[in-house]
Amino acid sequence: MKQDIYIKNKKAYFEYHILDKYVAGIQLLGTEIKSIREGKANVNDAFCTFIGNQLYIRNLHISEYSFGSFYNHEAKRDRVLLLNKKELKKLLTRGEEKGLTIVPLAMFISERGFAKVEIALAQGKKTFDKRETMKERDTKIEMDRALKR
């Protein structure tokens, strides 16, 4: 029986309007992938940035592998995201526009066993947009409760 790993960034949908989504591979060390398979990763504080022509994910917390020895990894190191040149160029040009940023939405293990990160080109929400999102969520919960009864 295969265990599905899907680590979601719930804050991203509340803080940003999502414009475009991409699925990127991530360059990891051996102990990092083992730790992700145990579900010991946190995407909430992570963000993406370009250094040169490469896209990096920063502040992604992957806990140290419990059975790792001397060769264990650093928990919050910068990791390279793997996309094709066309996608990288598009993200680079769009990411430089005012108000747009690249945000990780989720991390998961693909069918072939590779770790993937779902990233999005996003625009920050204003405070009134956030309040509106909270109202919509509350009304949805109330409707679900009413339908249960």
N, C-alpha and C. Protein backbone atom coordinates (compact mmCIF):
# COMPACT_ATOMS: atom_id res chain seq x y z
N MET A 1 0.84 -1.18 0.00
CA MET A 1 0.00 0.00 0.00
C MET A 1 0.88 1.25 0.00
N LYS A 2 0.68 2.12 -0.97
CA LYS A 2 1.49 3.33 -1.11
C LYS A 2 0.86 4.48 -0.32
N GLN A 3 1.68 5.18 0.45
CA GLN A 3 1.21 6.31 1.23
C GLN A 3 1.36 7.59 0.41
N ASP A 4 0.29 8.37 0.33
CA ASP A 4 0.33 9.61 -0.43
C ASP A 4 0.83 10.74 0.45
N ILE A 5 1.85 11.45 -0.02
CA ILE A 5 2.40 12.59 0.68
C ILE A 5 1.99 13.85 -0.08
N TYR A 6 1.27 14.75 0.59
CA TYR A 6 0.85 16.01 -0.02
C TYR A 6 0.90 17.07 1.08
N ILE A 7 1.94 17.88 1.07
CA ILE A 7 2.15 18.91 2.08
C ILE A 7 1.71 20.24 1.48
N LYS A 8 0.67 20.84 2.03
CA LYS A 8 0.02 22.00 1.43
C LYS A 8 0.38 23.29 2.17
N ASN A 9 0.45 24.39 1.43
CA ASN A 9 0.67 25.71 1.98
C ASN A 9 -0.69 26.41 2.04
N LYS A 10 -1.37 26.30 3.16
CA LYS A 10 -2.71 26.85 3.29
C LYS A 10 -2.71 28.38 3.31
N LYS A 11 -1.62 28.96 3.82
CA LYS A 11 -1.52 30.41 3.91
C LYS A 11 -1.48 31.08 2.53
N ALA A 12 -0.94 30.39 1.55
CA ALA A 12 -0.76 30.99 0.22
C ALA A 12 -2.10 31.35 -0.42
N TYR A 13 -3.11 30.49 -0.28
CA TYR A 13 -4.41 30.77 -0.89
C TYR A 13 -5.12 31.93 -0.18
N PHE A 14 -4.79 32.15 1.09
CA PHE A 14 -5.40 33.26 1.83
C PHE A 14 -4.69 34.58 1.55
N GLU A 15 -3.38 34.54 1.38
CA GLU A 15 -2.58 35.75 1.22
C GLU A 15 -2.49 36.26 -0.23
N TYR A 16 -2.71 35.38 -1.23
CA TYR A 16 -2.45 35.73 -2.63
C TYR A 16 -3.59 35.34 -3.56
N HIS A 17 -3.72 36.09 -4.65
CA HIS A 17 -4.55 35.69 -5.79
C HIS A 17 -3.64 34.86 -6.69
N ILE A 18 -4.02 33.64 -6.99
CA ILE A 18 -3.20 32.73 -7.80
C ILE A 18 -3.48 32.99 -9.28
N LEU A 19 -2.43 33.29 -10.06
CA LEU A 19 -2.58 33.59 -11.48
C LEU A 19 -2.23 32.40 -12.37
N ASP A 20 -1.02 31.86 -12.23
CA ASP A 20 -0.56 30.71 -13.02
C ASP A 20 0.04 29.68 -12.08
N LYS A 21 -0.16 28.39 -12.42
CA LYS A 21 0.42 27.32 -11.62
C LYS A 21 1.41 26.52 -12.46
N TYR A 22 2.48 26.05 -11.81
CA TYR A 22 3.49 25.22 -12.44
C TYR A 22 3.86 24.09 -11.49
N VAL A 23 4.28 22.97 -12.04
CA VAL A 23 4.82 21.87 -11.23
C VAL A 23 6.30 21.77 -11.55
N ALA A 24 7.12 21.90 -10.51
CA ALA A 24 8.57 21.90 -10.68
C ALA A 24 9.18 20.75 -9.89
N GLY A 25 10.23 20.18 -10.45
CA GLY A 25 11.01 19.21 -9.70
C GLY A 25 11.87 19.96 -8.71
N ILE A 26 12.43 19.25 -7.75
CA ILE A 26 13.25 19.89 -6.75
C ILE A 26 14.51 19.06 -6.55
N GLN A 27 15.65 19.71 -6.51
CA GLN A 27 16.93 19.03 -6.36
C GLN A 27 17.18 18.80 -4.87
N LEU A 28 17.19 17.52 -4.46
CA LEU A 28 17.31 17.17 -3.05
C LEU A 28 18.47 16.23 -2.78
N LEU A 29 18.85 16.16 -1.53
CA LEU A 29 19.83 15.17 -1.07
C LEU A 29 19.08 13.92 -0.61
N GLY A 30 19.81 12.84 -0.40
CA GLY A 30 19.18 11.57 -0.03
C GLY A 30 18.41 11.62 1.27
N THR A 31 18.98 12.28 2.28
CA THR A 31 18.28 12.34 3.57
C THR A 31 17.06 13.25 3.50
N GLU A 32 17.06 14.22 2.58
CA GLU A 32 15.91 15.11 2.44
C GLU A 32 14.71 14.38 1.88
N ILE A 33 14.90 13.56 0.85
CA ILE A 33 13.77 12.84 0.26
C ILE A 33 13.22 11.82 1.24
N LYS A 34 14.09 11.22 2.04
CA LYS A 34 13.62 10.26 3.04
C LYS A 34 12.79 10.97 4.10
N SER A 35 13.19 12.17 4.48
CA SER A 35 12.45 12.94 5.47
C SER A 35 11.10 13.39 4.90
N ILE A 36 11.05 13.76 3.63
CA ILE A 36 9.78 14.15 2.99
C ILE A 36 8.84 12.96 2.93
N ARG A 37 9.36 11.79 2.64
CA ARG A 37 8.51 10.58 2.60
C ARG A 37 7.92 10.26 3.97
N GLU A 38 8.59 10.72 5.04
CA GLU A 38 8.03 10.58 6.39
C GLU A 38 7.02 11.69 6.68
N GLY A 39 6.91 12.68 5.79
CA GLY A 39 5.97 13.78 5.96
C GLY A 39 6.49 14.90 6.84
N LYS A 40 7.79 14.99 6.99
CA LYS A 40 8.39 15.98 7.89
C LYS A 40 8.94 17.17 7.11
N ALA A 41 8.03 17.90 6.48
CA ALA A 41 8.40 19.11 5.74
C ALA A 41 7.36 20.18 5.99
N ASN A 42 7.75 21.45 5.84
CA ASN A 42 6.85 22.56 6.05
C ASN A 42 7.07 23.59 4.94
N VAL A 43 6.02 23.90 4.19
CA VAL A 43 6.09 24.79 3.04
C VAL A 43 5.56 26.19 3.38
N ASN A 44 5.00 26.39 4.56
CA ASN A 44 4.28 27.63 4.88
C ASN A 44 5.13 28.89 4.77
N ASP A 45 6.36 28.87 5.22
CA ASP A 45 7.19 30.08 5.20
C ASP A 45 8.07 30.18 3.97
N ALA A 46 7.96 29.24 3.05
CA ALA A 46 8.85 29.19 1.89
C ALA A 46 8.46 30.22 0.83
N PHE A 47 9.46 30.64 0.05
CA PHE A 47 9.24 31.52 -1.09
C PHE A 47 10.26 31.19 -2.17
N CYS A 48 9.98 31.62 -3.39
CA CYS A 48 10.86 31.33 -4.52
C CYS A 48 11.52 32.62 -4.99
N THR A 49 12.77 32.49 -5.41
CA THR A 49 13.51 33.65 -5.91
C THR A 49 14.52 33.20 -6.96
N PHE A 50 14.82 34.12 -7.87
CA PHE A 50 15.82 33.85 -8.89
C PHE A 50 17.19 34.29 -8.40
N ILE A 51 18.18 33.42 -8.55
CA ILE A 51 19.58 33.76 -8.32
C ILE A 51 20.28 33.42 -9.63
N GLY A 52 20.66 34.45 -10.36
CA GLY A 52 21.16 34.24 -11.72
C GLY A 52 19.99 33.84 -12.61
N ASN A 53 20.14 32.75 -13.33
CA ASN A 53 19.05 32.24 -14.18
C ASN A 53 18.37 31.03 -13.57
N GLN A 54 18.68 30.71 -12.32
CA GLN A 54 18.11 29.54 -11.67
C GLN A 54 17.06 29.97 -10.65
N LEU A 55 16.00 29.19 -10.55
CA LEU A 55 14.95 29.45 -9.58
C LEU A 55 15.22 28.61 -8.33
N TYR A 56 15.26 29.28 -7.18
CA TYR A 56 15.53 28.61 -5.90
C TYR A 56 14.31 28.72 -5.00
N ILE A 57 14.13 27.72 -4.18
CA ILE A 57 13.12 27.80 -3.13
C ILE A 57 13.88 28.01 -1.82
N ARG A 58 13.48 29.03 -1.08
CA ARG A 58 14.17 29.39 0.15
C ARG A 58 13.23 29.23 1.32
N ASN A 59 13.81 28.97 2.48
CA ASN A 59 13.07 28.85 3.73
C ASN A 59 12.15 27.63 3.78
N LEU A 60 12.33 26.69 2.88
CA LEU A 60 11.58 25.44 2.91
C LEU A 60 12.18 24.57 4.01
N HIS A 61 11.39 24.24 5.02
CA HIS A 61 11.91 23.48 6.15
C HIS A 61 11.66 21.99 5.94
N ILE A 62 12.75 21.24 5.82
CA ILE A 62 12.69 19.78 5.77
C ILE A 62 13.46 19.29 6.98
N SER A 63 12.77 18.65 7.92
CA SER A 63 13.41 18.20 9.15
C SER A 63 14.52 17.22 8.86
N GLU A 64 15.50 17.18 9.76
CA GLU A 64 16.60 16.23 9.58
C GLU A 64 16.05 14.81 9.66
N TYR A 65 16.64 13.92 8.86
CA TYR A 65 16.21 12.53 8.82
C TYR A 65 16.57 11.86 10.14
N SER A 66 15.62 11.17 10.73
CA SER A 66 15.80 10.60 12.07
C SER A 66 16.91 9.54 12.11
N PHE A 67 17.12 8.80 11.02
CA PHE A 67 18.15 7.77 10.98
C PHE A 67 19.43 8.25 10.29
N GLY A 68 19.48 9.55 9.97
CA GLY A 68 20.65 10.12 9.32
C GLY A 68 21.81 10.21 10.31
N SER A 69 23.01 10.07 9.80
CA SER A 69 24.18 10.12 10.68
C SER A 69 24.92 11.43 10.44
N PHE A 70 26.19 11.33 10.24
CA PHE A 70 27.05 12.48 9.99
C PHE A 70 26.65 13.21 8.71
N TYR A 71 26.07 12.50 7.75
CA TYR A 71 25.76 13.05 6.43
C TYR A 71 24.36 13.65 6.34
N ASN A 72 23.77 14.03 7.47
CA ASN A 72 22.44 14.61 7.45
C ASN A 72 22.48 16.00 6.82
N HIS A 73 21.33 16.49 6.36
CA HIS A 73 21.24 17.76 5.65
C HIS A 73 20.91 18.91 6.59
N GLU A 74 21.08 20.12 6.07
CA GLU A 74 20.70 21.35 6.77
C GLU A 74 19.20 21.56 6.55
N ALA A 75 18.46 21.92 7.59
CA ALA A 75 16.99 21.96 7.53
C ALA A 75 16.44 23.03 6.57
N LYS A 76 17.04 24.23 6.54
CA LYS A 76 16.47 25.33 5.74
C LYS A 76 17.42 25.84 4.66
N ARG A 77 18.09 24.96 3.96
CA ARG A 77 19.01 25.41 2.92
C ARG A 77 18.25 25.78 1.64
N ASP A 78 18.89 26.53 0.74
CA ASP A 78 18.29 26.87 -0.55
C ASP A 78 18.34 25.66 -1.46
N ARG A 79 17.23 25.39 -2.16
CA ARG A 79 17.15 24.24 -3.05
C ARG A 79 16.76 24.70 -4.45
N VAL A 80 17.35 24.08 -5.46
CA VAL A 80 17.10 24.45 -6.86
C VAL A 80 15.79 23.83 -7.32
N LEU A 81 14.96 24.64 -7.99
CA LEU A 81 13.74 24.12 -8.61
C LEU A 81 14.03 23.84 -10.08
N LEU A 82 13.53 22.73 -10.56
CA LEU A 82 13.83 22.27 -11.92
C LEU A 82 12.63 22.49 -12.83
N LEU A 83 12.78 23.44 -13.74
CA LEU A 83 11.77 23.73 -14.76
C LEU A 83 12.47 23.83 -16.10
N ASN A 84 11.70 23.74 -17.20
CA ASN A 84 12.35 23.90 -18.49
C ASN A 84 12.59 25.39 -18.77
N LYS A 85 13.45 25.68 -19.75
CA LYS A 85 13.89 27.05 -20.02
C LYS A 85 12.74 27.99 -20.34
N LYS A 86 11.76 27.49 -21.07
CA LYS A 86 10.62 28.32 -21.47
C LYS A 86 9.84 28.78 -20.23
N GLU A 87 9.60 27.85 -19.30
CA GLU A 87 8.88 28.20 -18.08
C GLU A 87 9.69 29.15 -17.20
N LEU A 88 11.00 28.90 -17.11
CA LEU A 88 11.87 29.77 -16.31
C LEU A 88 11.88 31.20 -16.86
N LYS A 89 11.96 31.32 -18.18
CA LYS A 89 11.98 32.64 -18.80
C LYS A 89 10.67 33.38 -18.55
N LYS A 90 9.55 32.66 -18.66
CA LYS A 90 8.25 33.26 -18.43
C LYS A 90 8.11 33.73 -16.97
N LEU A 91 8.55 32.88 -16.05
CA LEU A 91 8.49 33.25 -14.63
C LEU A 91 9.41 34.43 -14.31
N LEU A 92 10.57 34.46 -14.94
CA LEU A 92 11.52 35.55 -14.70
C LEU A 92 10.95 36.89 -15.16
N THR A 93 10.36 36.92 -16.34
CA THR A 93 9.81 38.18 -16.86
C THR A 93 8.55 38.60 -16.10
N ARG A 94 7.66 37.65 -15.82
CA ARG A 94 6.42 37.98 -15.10
C ARG A 94 6.69 38.28 -13.63
N GLY A 95 7.68 37.61 -13.04
CA GLY A 95 8.00 37.81 -11.62
C GLY A 95 8.59 39.17 -11.32
N GLU A 96 9.14 39.83 -12.34
CA GLU A 96 9.72 41.16 -12.15
C GLU A 96 8.66 42.26 -12.17
N GLU A 97 7.44 41.93 -12.62
CA GLU A 97 6.37 42.93 -12.64
C GLU A 97 6.01 43.32 -11.20
N LYS A 98 5.57 44.55 -11.04
CA LYS A 98 5.26 45.05 -9.71
C LYS A 98 4.07 44.30 -9.12
N GLY A 99 4.24 43.83 -7.89
CA GLY A 99 3.14 43.17 -7.18
C GLY A 99 3.04 41.68 -7.40
N LEU A 100 3.84 41.12 -8.31
CA LEU A 100 3.77 39.68 -8.56
C LEU A 100 4.92 38.97 -7.88
N THR A 101 4.65 37.78 -7.37
CA THR A 101 5.66 36.98 -6.70
C THR A 101 5.45 35.51 -7.03
N ILE A 102 6.45 34.69 -6.75
CA ILE A 102 6.36 33.25 -7.00
C ILE A 102 6.28 32.56 -5.65
N VAL A 103 5.20 31.81 -5.45
CA VAL A 103 4.89 31.21 -4.16
C VAL A 103 4.74 29.70 -4.29
N PRO A 104 5.33 28.91 -3.38
CA PRO A 104 5.08 27.47 -3.40
C PRO A 104 3.71 27.17 -2.78
N LEU A 105 2.92 26.34 -3.47
CA LEU A 105 1.58 26.00 -2.98
C LEU A 105 1.57 24.66 -2.25
N ALA A 106 2.32 23.69 -2.78
CA ALA A 106 2.30 22.36 -2.18
C ALA A 106 3.55 21.59 -2.57
N MET A 107 3.85 20.57 -1.79
CA MET A 107 4.93 19.64 -2.10
C MET A 107 4.35 18.24 -2.06
N PHE A 108 4.71 17.42 -3.05
CA PHE A 108 4.17 16.07 -3.09
C PHE A 108 5.17 15.12 -3.72
N ILE A 109 4.91 13.83 -3.59
CA ILE A 109 5.72 12.79 -4.21
C ILE A 109 4.97 12.31 -5.45
N SER A 110 5.62 12.33 -6.60
CA SER A 110 4.98 11.93 -7.85
C SER A 110 4.83 10.41 -7.91
N GLU A 111 4.14 9.94 -8.92
CA GLU A 111 3.91 8.50 -9.10
C GLU A 111 5.22 7.75 -9.29
N ARG A 112 6.22 8.41 -9.87
CA ARG A 112 7.52 7.76 -10.10
C ARG A 112 8.44 7.85 -8.89
N GLY A 113 7.98 8.53 -7.82
CA GLY A 113 8.76 8.60 -6.60
C GLY A 113 9.61 9.85 -6.46
N PHE A 114 9.44 10.82 -7.35
CA PHE A 114 10.21 12.06 -7.28
C PHE A 114 9.44 13.11 -6.48
N ALA A 115 10.17 13.95 -5.77
CA ALA A 115 9.54 15.05 -5.04
C ALA A 115 9.28 16.19 -6.01
N LYS A 116 8.09 16.74 -5.96
CA LYS A 116 7.69 17.84 -6.83
C LYS A 116 7.12 18.97 -5.97
N VAL A 117 7.24 20.18 -6.47
CA VAL A 117 6.69 21.35 -5.79
C VAL A 117 5.76 22.05 -6.76
N GLU A 118 4.54 22.33 -6.30
CA GLU A 118 3.60 23.10 -7.11
C GLU A 118 3.81 24.56 -6.73
N ILE A 119 4.22 25.36 -7.72
CA ILE A 119 4.46 26.78 -7.48
C ILE A 119 3.46 27.59 -8.29
N ALA A 120 3.28 28.84 -7.88
CA ALA A 120 2.32 29.69 -8.57
C ALA A 120 2.85 31.11 -8.68
N LEU A 121 2.50 31.74 -9.78
CA LEU A 121 2.72 33.17 -9.94
C LEU A 121 1.52 33.83 -9.29
N ALA A 122 1.76 34.66 -8.28
CA ALA A 122 0.66 35.17 -7.47
C ALA A 122 0.77 36.67 -7.25
N GLN A 123 -0.38 37.26 -6.94
CA GLN A 123 -0.45 38.68 -6.63
C GLN A 123 -1.02 38.81 -5.22
N GLY A 124 -0.40 39.63 -4.39
CA GLY A 124 -0.82 39.79 -3.01
C GLY A 124 -2.22 40.37 -2.88
N LYS A 125 -2.97 39.86 -1.89
CA LYS A 125 -4.31 40.38 -1.63
C LYS A 125 -4.24 41.58 -0.69
N LYS A 126 -5.20 42.44 -0.82
CA LYS A 126 -5.35 43.56 0.11
C LYS A 126 -6.15 43.06 1.32
N THR A 127 -6.20 43.85 2.39
CA THR A 127 -6.89 43.40 3.61
C THR A 127 -8.38 43.20 3.38
N PHE A 128 -9.02 44.03 2.56
CA PHE A 128 -10.46 43.84 2.33
C PHE A 128 -10.72 42.56 1.53
N ASP A 129 -9.78 42.16 0.66
CA ASP A 129 -9.92 40.89 -0.05
C ASP A 129 -9.85 39.72 0.92
N LYS A 130 -8.96 39.83 1.91
CA LYS A 130 -8.83 38.77 2.91
C LYS A 130 -10.09 38.65 3.74
N ARG A 131 -10.68 39.80 4.10
CA ARG A 131 -11.93 39.77 4.87
C ARG A 131 -13.04 39.12 4.06
N GLU A 132 -13.07 39.41 2.76
CA GLU A 132 -14.08 38.83 1.88
C GLU A 132 -13.91 37.30 1.80
N THR A 133 -12.67 36.85 1.73
CA THR A 133 -12.38 35.42 1.70
C THR A 133 -12.86 34.75 2.98
N MET A 134 -12.65 35.42 4.12
CA MET A 134 -13.10 34.86 5.40
C MET A 134 -14.63 34.79 5.46
N LYS A 135 -15.33 35.80 4.93
CA LYS A 135 -16.79 35.80 4.90
C LYS A 135 -17.31 34.66 4.03
N GLU A 136 -16.70 34.46 2.86
CA GLU A 136 -17.11 33.38 1.97
C GLU A 136 -16.92 32.03 2.63
N ARG A 137 -15.81 31.87 3.34
CA ARG A 137 -15.54 30.60 4.04
C ARG A 137 -16.59 30.35 5.12
N ASP A 138 -16.94 31.41 5.88
CA ASP A 138 -17.93 31.28 6.95
C ASP A 138 -19.30 30.92 6.39
N THR A 139 -19.71 31.57 5.29
CA THR A 139 -21.01 31.26 4.71
C THR A 139 -21.05 29.84 4.16
N LYS A 140 -19.95 29.38 3.61
CA LYS A 140 -19.87 28.00 3.10
C LYS A 140 -20.02 27.00 4.25
N ILE A 141 -19.38 27.29 5.38
CA ILE A 141 -19.48 26.40 6.55
C ILE A 141 -20.92 26.37 7.07
N GLU A 142 -21.56 27.54 7.12
CA GLU A 142 -22.95 27.61 7.58
C GLU A 142 -23.89 26.83 6.65
N MET A 143 -23.67 26.94 5.34
CA MET A 143 -24.50 26.20 4.38
C MET A 143 -24.31 24.70 4.54
N ASP A 144 -23.06 24.28 4.74
CA ASP A 144 -22.79 22.85 4.93
C ASP A 144 -23.48 22.33 6.19
N ARG A 145 -23.47 23.13 7.26
CA ARG A 145 -24.14 22.75 8.50
C ARG A 145 -25.64 22.62 8.30
N ALA A 146 -26.21 23.58 7.55
CA ALA A 146 -27.65 23.57 7.30
C ALA A 146 -28.05 22.35 6.46
N LEU A 147 -27.21 22.00 5.50
CA LEU A 147 -27.51 20.83 4.66
C LEU A 147 -27.40 19.52 5.43
N LYS A 148 -26.52 19.47 6.43
CA LYS A 148 -26.38 18.26 7.25
C LYS A 148 -27.63 17.99 8.05
N ARG A 149 -28.28 19.06 8.51
CA ARG A 149 -29.48 18.93 9.34
C ARG A 149 -30.65 18.59 8.52
